[in-house]
Amino acid sequence: MSVIPTDVKGTRGNARWEFETFWQKITRALDRLAVNRSCRTMPATAFHRAKYDLDRCRRLMREG
């Protein structure tokens, strides 16, 4: 059985290795972006409270 190393960097003359590492960097950056955004999401209770407040304000504006 052969093992393909993933942490080996290519030499300067090997453009294929440089191309792969570029795309790996891009995917890692996108993964970090998604993780950061998911950590900053609004909690469900705050979301429902805000939705209730918006509905209450709409009702008050229609009545007044």
PDB file of N, CA and C in Angstrom:
ATOM      1  N   MET A   1       0.842  -1.173   0.000  1.00  0.00           N
ATOM      2  CA  MET A   1       0.000   0.000   0.000  1.00  0.00           C
ATOM      3  C   MET A   1       0.886   1.234   0.000  1.00  0.00           C
ATOM      4  N   SER A   2       0.558   2.197  -0.838  1.00  0.00           N
ATOM      5  CA  SER A   2       1.349   3.425  -0.904  1.00  0.00           C
ATOM      6  C   SER A   2       0.587   4.561  -0.235  1.00  0.00           C
ATOM      7  N   VAL A   3       1.323   5.495   0.319  1.00  0.00           N
ATOM      8  CA  VAL A   3       0.741   6.632   1.019  1.00  0.00           C
ATOM      9  C   VAL A   3       1.100   7.899   0.257  1.00  0.00           C
ATOM     10  N   ILE A   4       0.117   8.747   0.055  1.00  0.00           N
ATOM     11  CA  ILE A   4       0.351  10.012  -0.637  1.00  0.00           C
ATOM     12  C   ILE A   4       0.527  11.087   0.422  1.00  0.00           C
ATOM     13  N   PRO A   5       1.708  11.698   0.498  1.00  0.00           N
ATOM     14  CA  PRO A   5       1.923  12.738   1.508  1.00  0.00           C
ATOM     15  C   PRO A   5       1.186  14.019   1.120  1.00  0.00           C
ATOM     16  N   THR A   6       0.526  14.638   2.093  1.00  0.00           N
ATOM     17  CA  THR A   6      -0.207  15.882   1.811  1.00  0.00           C
ATOM     18  C   THR A   6       0.520  17.105   2.334  1.00  0.00           C
ATOM     19  N   ASP A   7       1.497  16.912   3.213  1.00  0.00           N
ATOM     20  CA  ASP A   7       2.189  18.058   3.786  1.00  0.00           C
ATOM     21  C   ASP A   7       3.513  18.366   3.097  1.00  0.00           C
ATOM     22  N   VAL A   8       3.796  17.708   1.987  1.00  0.00           N
ATOM     23  CA  VAL A   8       5.050  17.920   1.278  1.00  0.00           C
ATOM     24  C   VAL A   8       4.867  19.067   0.301  1.00  0.00           C
ATOM     25  N   LYS A   9       5.737  20.040   0.367  1.00  0.00           N
ATOM     26  CA  LYS A   9       5.692  21.169  -0.570  1.00  0.00           C
ATOM     27  C   LYS A   9       6.570  20.843  -1.776  1.00  0.00           C
ATOM     28  N   GLY A  10       6.110  21.271  -2.934  1.00  0.00           N
ATOM     29  CA  GLY A  10       6.857  21.024  -4.153  1.00  0.00           C
ATOM     30  C   GLY A  10       8.020  21.979  -4.312  1.00  0.00           C
ATOM     31  N   THR A  11       8.869  21.690  -5.253  1.00  0.00           N
ATOM     32  CA  THR A  11       9.993  22.578  -5.532  1.00  0.00           C
ATOM     33  C   THR A  11       9.516  23.729  -6.404  1.00  0.00           C
ATOM     34  N   ARG A  12      10.353  24.713  -6.581  1.00  0.00           N
ATOM     35  CA  ARG A  12       9.961  25.875  -7.387  1.00  0.00           C
ATOM     36  C   ARG A  12       9.698  25.513  -8.838  1.00  0.00           C
ATOM     37  N   GLY A  13      10.351  24.522  -9.343  1.00  0.00           N
ATOM     38  CA  GLY A  13      10.171  24.149 -10.740  1.00  0.00           C
ATOM     39  C   GLY A  13       8.912  23.347 -10.991  1.00  0.00           C
ATOM     40  N   ASN A  14       8.283  22.860  -9.960  1.00  0.00           N
ATOM     41  CA  ASN A  14       7.108  22.031 -10.118  1.00  0.00           C
ATOM     42  C   ASN A  14       5.851  22.887  -9.971  1.00  0.00           C
ATOM     43  N   ALA A  15       5.289  23.348 -11.105  1.00  0.00           N
ATOM     44  CA  ALA A  15       4.145  24.252 -11.087  1.00  0.00           C
ATOM     45  C   ALA A  15       2.887  23.561 -10.572  1.00  0.00           C
ATOM     46  N   ARG A  16       2.780  22.269 -10.757  1.00  0.00           N
ATOM     47  CA  ARG A  16       1.593  21.539 -10.308  1.00  0.00           C
ATOM     48  C   ARG A  16       1.467  21.606  -8.788  1.00  0.00           C
ATOM     49  N   TRP A  17       2.577  21.460  -8.066  1.00  0.00           N
ATOM     50  CA  TRP A  17       2.539  21.543  -6.606  1.00  0.00           C
ATOM     51  C   TRP A  17       2.150  22.941  -6.160  1.00  0.00           C
ATOM     52  N   GLU A  18       2.676  23.968  -6.836  1.00  0.00           N
ATOM     53  CA  GLU A  18       2.351  25.341  -6.470  1.00  0.00           C
ATOM     54  C   GLU A  18       0.874  25.624  -6.728  1.00  0.00           C
ATOM     55  N   PHE A  19       0.341  25.087  -7.819  1.00  0.00           N
ATOM     56  CA  PHE A  19      -1.068  25.274  -8.155  1.00  0.00           C
ATOM     57  C   PHE A  19      -1.953  24.614  -7.101  1.00  0.00           C
ATOM     58  N   GLU A  20      -1.616  23.422  -6.677  1.00  0.00           N
ATOM     59  CA  GLU A  20      -2.412  22.730  -5.670  1.00  0.00           C
ATOM     60  C   GLU A  20      -2.358  23.444  -4.324  1.00  0.00           C
ATOM     61  N   THR A  21      -1.213  23.924  -3.955  1.00  0.00           N
ATOM     62  CA  THR A  21      -1.132  24.605  -2.671  1.00  0.00           C
ATOM     63  C   THR A  21      -1.912  25.922  -2.711  1.00  0.00           C
ATOM     64  N   PHE A  22      -1.960  26.582  -3.864  1.00  0.00           N
ATOM     65  CA  PHE A  22      -2.750  27.802  -3.997  1.00  0.00           C
ATOM     66  C   PHE A  22      -4.221  27.512  -3.738  1.00  0.00           C
ATOM     67  N   TRP A  23      -4.761  26.477  -4.381  1.00  0.00           N
ATOM     68  CA  TRP A  23      -6.167  26.139  -4.199  1.00  0.00           C
ATOM     69  C   TRP A  23      -6.446  25.617  -2.795  1.00  0.00           C
ATOM     70  N   GLN A  24      -5.492  24.950  -2.202  1.00  0.00           N
ATOM     71  CA  GLN A  24      -5.666  24.512  -0.824  1.00  0.00           C
ATOM     72  C   GLN A  24      -5.744  25.707   0.115  1.00  0.00           C
ATOM     73  N   LYS A  25      -4.938  26.730  -0.154  1.00  0.00           N
ATOM     74  CA  LYS A  25      -4.992  27.946   0.653  1.00  0.00           C
ATOM     75  C   LYS A  25      -6.343  28.636   0.510  1.00  0.00           C
ATOM     76  N   ILE A  26      -6.854  28.673  -0.712  1.00  0.00           N
ATOM     77  CA  ILE A  26      -8.152  29.297  -0.959  1.00  0.00           C
ATOM     78  C   ILE A  26      -9.250  28.552  -0.204  1.00  0.00           C
ATOM     79  N   THR A  27      -9.257  27.218  -0.280  1.00  0.00           N
ATOM     80  CA  THR A  27     -10.303  26.461   0.404  1.00  0.00           C
ATOM     81  C   THR A  27     -10.188  26.592   1.917  1.00  0.00           C
ATOM     82  N   ARG A  28      -8.987  26.633   2.443  1.00  0.00           N
ATOM     83  CA  ARG A  28      -8.824  26.826   3.887  1.00  0.00           C
ATOM     84  C   ARG A  28      -9.333  28.196   4.321  1.00  0.00           C
ATOM     85  N   ALA A  29      -9.067  29.215   3.505  1.00  0.00           N
ATOM     86  CA  ALA A  29      -9.547  30.557   3.827  1.00  0.00           C
ATOM     87  C   ALA A  29     -11.070  30.611   3.807  1.00  0.00           C
ATOM     88  N   LEU A  30     -11.700  29.962   2.838  1.00  0.00           N
ATOM     89  CA  LEU A  30     -13.155  29.927   2.778  1.00  0.00           C
ATOM     90  C   LEU A  30     -13.739  29.157   3.953  1.00  0.00           C
ATOM     91  N   ASP A  31     -13.072  28.089   4.356  1.00  0.00           N
ATOM     92  CA  ASP A  31     -13.528  27.339   5.529  1.00  0.00           C
ATOM     93  C   ASP A  31     -13.459  28.197   6.791  1.00  0.00           C
ATOM     94  N   ARG A  32     -12.363  28.939   6.947  1.00  0.00           N
ATOM     95  CA  ARG A  32     -12.245  29.816   8.118  1.00  0.00           C
ATOM     96  C   ARG A  32     -13.327  30.890   8.110  1.00  0.00           C
ATOM     97  N   LEU A  33     -13.644  31.414   6.925  1.00  0.00           N
ATOM     98  CA  LEU A  33     -14.677  32.428   6.808  1.00  0.00           C
ATOM     99  C   LEU A  33     -16.029  31.867   7.229  1.00  0.00           C
ATOM    100  N   ALA A  34     -16.341  30.659   6.789  1.00  0.00           N
ATOM    101  CA  ALA A  34     -17.620  30.046   7.155  1.00  0.00           C
ATOM    102  C   ALA A  34     -17.682  29.762   8.649  1.00  0.00           C
ATOM    103  N   VAL A  35     -16.590  29.322   9.231  1.00  0.00           N
ATOM    104  CA  VAL A  35     -16.572  29.048  10.666  1.00  0.00           C
ATOM    105  C   VAL A  35     -16.748  30.338  11.453  1.00  0.00           C
ATOM    106  N   ASN A  36     -16.067  31.401  11.037  1.00  0.00           N
ATOM    107  CA  ASN A  36     -16.193  32.679  11.735  1.00  0.00           C
ATOM    108  C   ASN A  36     -17.614  33.219  11.659  1.00  0.00           C
ATOM    109  N   ARG A  37     -18.256  33.066  10.513  1.00  0.00           N
ATOM    110  CA  ARG A  37     -19.628  33.559  10.375  1.00  0.00           C
ATOM    111  C   ARG A  37     -20.594  32.727  11.200  1.00  0.00           C
ATOM    112  N   SER A  38     -20.366  31.426  11.265  1.00  0.00           N
ATOM    113  CA  SER A  38     -21.286  30.596  12.037  1.00  0.00           C
ATOM    114  C   SER A  38     -21.121  30.833  13.530  1.00  0.00           C
ATOM    115  N   CYS A  39     -19.957  31.294  13.971  1.00  0.00           N
ATOM    116  CA  CYS A  39     -19.763  31.594  15.393  1.00  0.00           C
ATOM    117  C   CYS A  39     -20.466  32.881  15.792  1.00  0.00           C
ATOM    118  N   ARG A  40     -20.672  33.780  14.833  1.00  0.00           N
ATOM    119  CA  ARG A  40     -21.280  35.072  15.149  1.00  0.00           C
ATOM    120  C   ARG A  40     -22.774  35.127  14.866  1.00  0.00           C
ATOM    121  N   THR A  41     -23.422  33.988  14.686  1.00  0.00           N
ATOM    122  CA  THR A  41     -24.846  34.018  14.362  1.00  0.00           C
ATOM    123  C   THR A  41     -25.663  34.455  15.561  1.00  0.00           C
ATOM    124  N   MET A  42     -26.856  34.881  15.285  1.00  0.00           N
ATOM    125  CA  MET A  42     -27.749  35.364  16.341  1.00  0.00           C
ATOM    126  C   MET A  42     -28.389  34.171  17.052  1.00  0.00           C
ATOM    127  N   PRO A  43     -28.446  34.189  18.372  1.00  0.00           N
ATOM    128  CA  PRO A  43     -29.113  33.105  19.091  1.00  0.00           C
ATOM    129  C   PRO A  43     -30.606  33.063  18.746  1.00  0.00           C
ATOM    130  N   ALA A  44     -31.208  31.901  18.842  1.00  0.00           N
ATOM    131  CA  ALA A  44     -32.608  31.724  18.451  1.00  0.00           C
ATOM    132  C   ALA A  44     -33.535  32.586  19.296  1.00  0.00           C
ATOM    133  N   THR A  45     -33.251  32.713  20.581  1.00  0.00           N
ATOM    134  CA  THR A  45     -34.135  33.516  21.438  1.00  0.00           C
ATOM    135  C   THR A  45     -34.106  34.984  21.036  1.00  0.00           C
ATOM    136  N   ALA A  46     -32.939  35.492  20.718  1.00  0.00           N
ATOM    137  CA  ALA A  46     -32.835  36.897  20.291  1.00  0.00           C
ATOM    138  C   ALA A  46     -33.525  37.102  18.947  1.00  0.00           C
ATOM    139  N   PHE A  47     -33.429  36.122  18.069  1.00  0.00           N
ATOM    140  CA  PHE A  47     -34.089  36.213  16.761  1.00  0.00           C
ATOM    141  C   PHE A  47     -35.605  36.260  16.929  1.00  0.00           C
ATOM    142  N   HIS A  48     -36.146  35.382  17.760  1.00  0.00           N
ATOM    143  CA  HIS A  48     -37.596  35.361  17.972  1.00  0.00           C
ATOM    144  C   HIS A  48     -38.076  36.630  18.675  1.00  0.00           C
ATOM    145  N   ARG A  49     -37.284  37.148  19.606  1.00  0.00           N
ATOM    146  CA  ARG A  49     -37.635  38.390  20.291  1.00  0.00           C
ATOM    147  C   ARG A  49     -37.673  39.547  19.294  1.00  0.00           C
ATOM    148  N   ALA A  50     -36.694  39.617  18.401  1.00  0.00           N
ATOM    149  CA  ALA A  50     -36.654  40.685  17.404  1.00  0.00           C
ATOM    150  C   ALA A  50     -37.835  40.564  16.444  1.00  0.00           C
ATOM    151  N   LYS A  51     -38.171  39.337  16.063  1.00  0.00           N
ATOM    152  CA  LYS A  51     -39.309  39.121  15.172  1.00  0.00           C
ATOM    153  C   LYS A  51     -40.612  39.556  15.847  1.00  0.00           C
ATOM    154  N   TYR A  52     -40.748  39.226  17.124  1.00  0.00           N
ATOM    155  CA  TYR A  52     -41.932  39.642  17.889  1.00  0.00           C
ATOM    156  C   TYR A  52     -42.005  41.164  17.980  1.00  0.00           C
ATOM    157  N   ASP A  53     -40.880  41.805  18.238  1.00  0.00           N
ATOM    158  CA  ASP A  53     -40.853  43.267  18.333  1.00  0.00           C
ATOM    159  C   ASP A  53     -41.228  43.923  17.008  1.00  0.00           C
ATOM    160  N   LEU A  54     -40.751  43.374  15.897  1.00  0.00           N
ATOM    161  CA  LEU A  54     -41.102  43.928  14.584  1.00  0.00           C
ATOM    162  C   LEU A  54     -42.589  43.770  14.320  1.00  0.00           C
ATOM    163  N   ASP A  55     -43.150  42.622  14.649  1.00  0.00           N
ATOM    164  CA  ASP A  55     -44.586  42.420  14.461  1.00  0.00           C
ATOM    165  C   ASP A  55     -45.395  43.378  15.329  1.00  0.00           C
ATOM    166  N   ARG A  56     -44.958  43.595  16.567  1.00  0.00           N
ATOM    167  CA  ARG A  56     -45.637  44.509  17.476  1.00  0.00           C
ATOM    168  C   ARG A  56     -45.591  45.933  16.931  1.00  0.00           C
ATOM    169  N   CYS A  57     -44.437  46.340  16.411  1.00  0.00           N
ATOM    170  CA  CYS A  57     -44.311  47.686  15.838  1.00  0.00           C
ATOM    171  C   CYS A  57     -45.202  47.851  14.610  1.00  0.00           C
ATOM    172  N   ARG A  58     -45.305  46.822  13.787  1.00  0.00           N
ATOM    173  CA  ARG A  58     -46.184  46.898  12.613  1.00  0.00           C
ATOM    174  C   ARG A  58     -47.645  47.069  13.038  1.00  0.00           C
ATOM    175  N   ARG A  59     -48.041  46.308  14.050  1.00  0.00           N
ATOM    176  CA  ARG A  59     -49.426  46.416  14.529  1.00  0.00           C
ATOM    177  C   ARG A  59     -49.696  47.826  15.074  1.00  0.00           C
ATOM    178  N   LEU A  60     -48.759  48.355  15.833  1.00  0.00           N
ATOM    179  CA  LEU A  60     -48.928  49.702  16.393  1.00  0.00           C
ATOM    180  C   LEU A  60     -48.986  50.759  15.302  1.00  0.00           C
ATOM    181  N   MET A  61     -48.200  50.603  14.251  1.00  0.00           N
ATOM    182  CA  MET A  61     -48.215  51.586  13.165  1.00  0.00           C
ATOM    183  C   MET A  61     -49.536  51.530  12.404  1.00  0.00           C
ATOM    184  N   ARG A  62     -50.090  50.340  12.226  1.00  0.00           N
ATOM    185  CA  ARG A  62     -51.364  50.212  11.503  1.00  0.00           C
ATOM    186  C   ARG A  62     -52.522  50.768  12.326  1.00  0.00           C
ATOM    187  N   GLU A  63     -52.447  50.596  13.640  1.00  0.00           N
ATOM    188  CA  GLU A  63     -53.533  51.110  14.498  1.00  0.00           C
ATOM    189  C   GLU A  63     -53.482  52.626  14.627  1.00  0.00           C
ATOM    190  N   GLY A  64     -52.288  53.168  14.688  1.00  0.00           N
ATOM    191  CA  GLY A  64     -52.151  54.598  14.953  1.00  0.00           C
ATOM    192  C   GLY A  64     -52.137  55.377  13.726  1.00  0.00           C
TER     193      GLY A  64
END
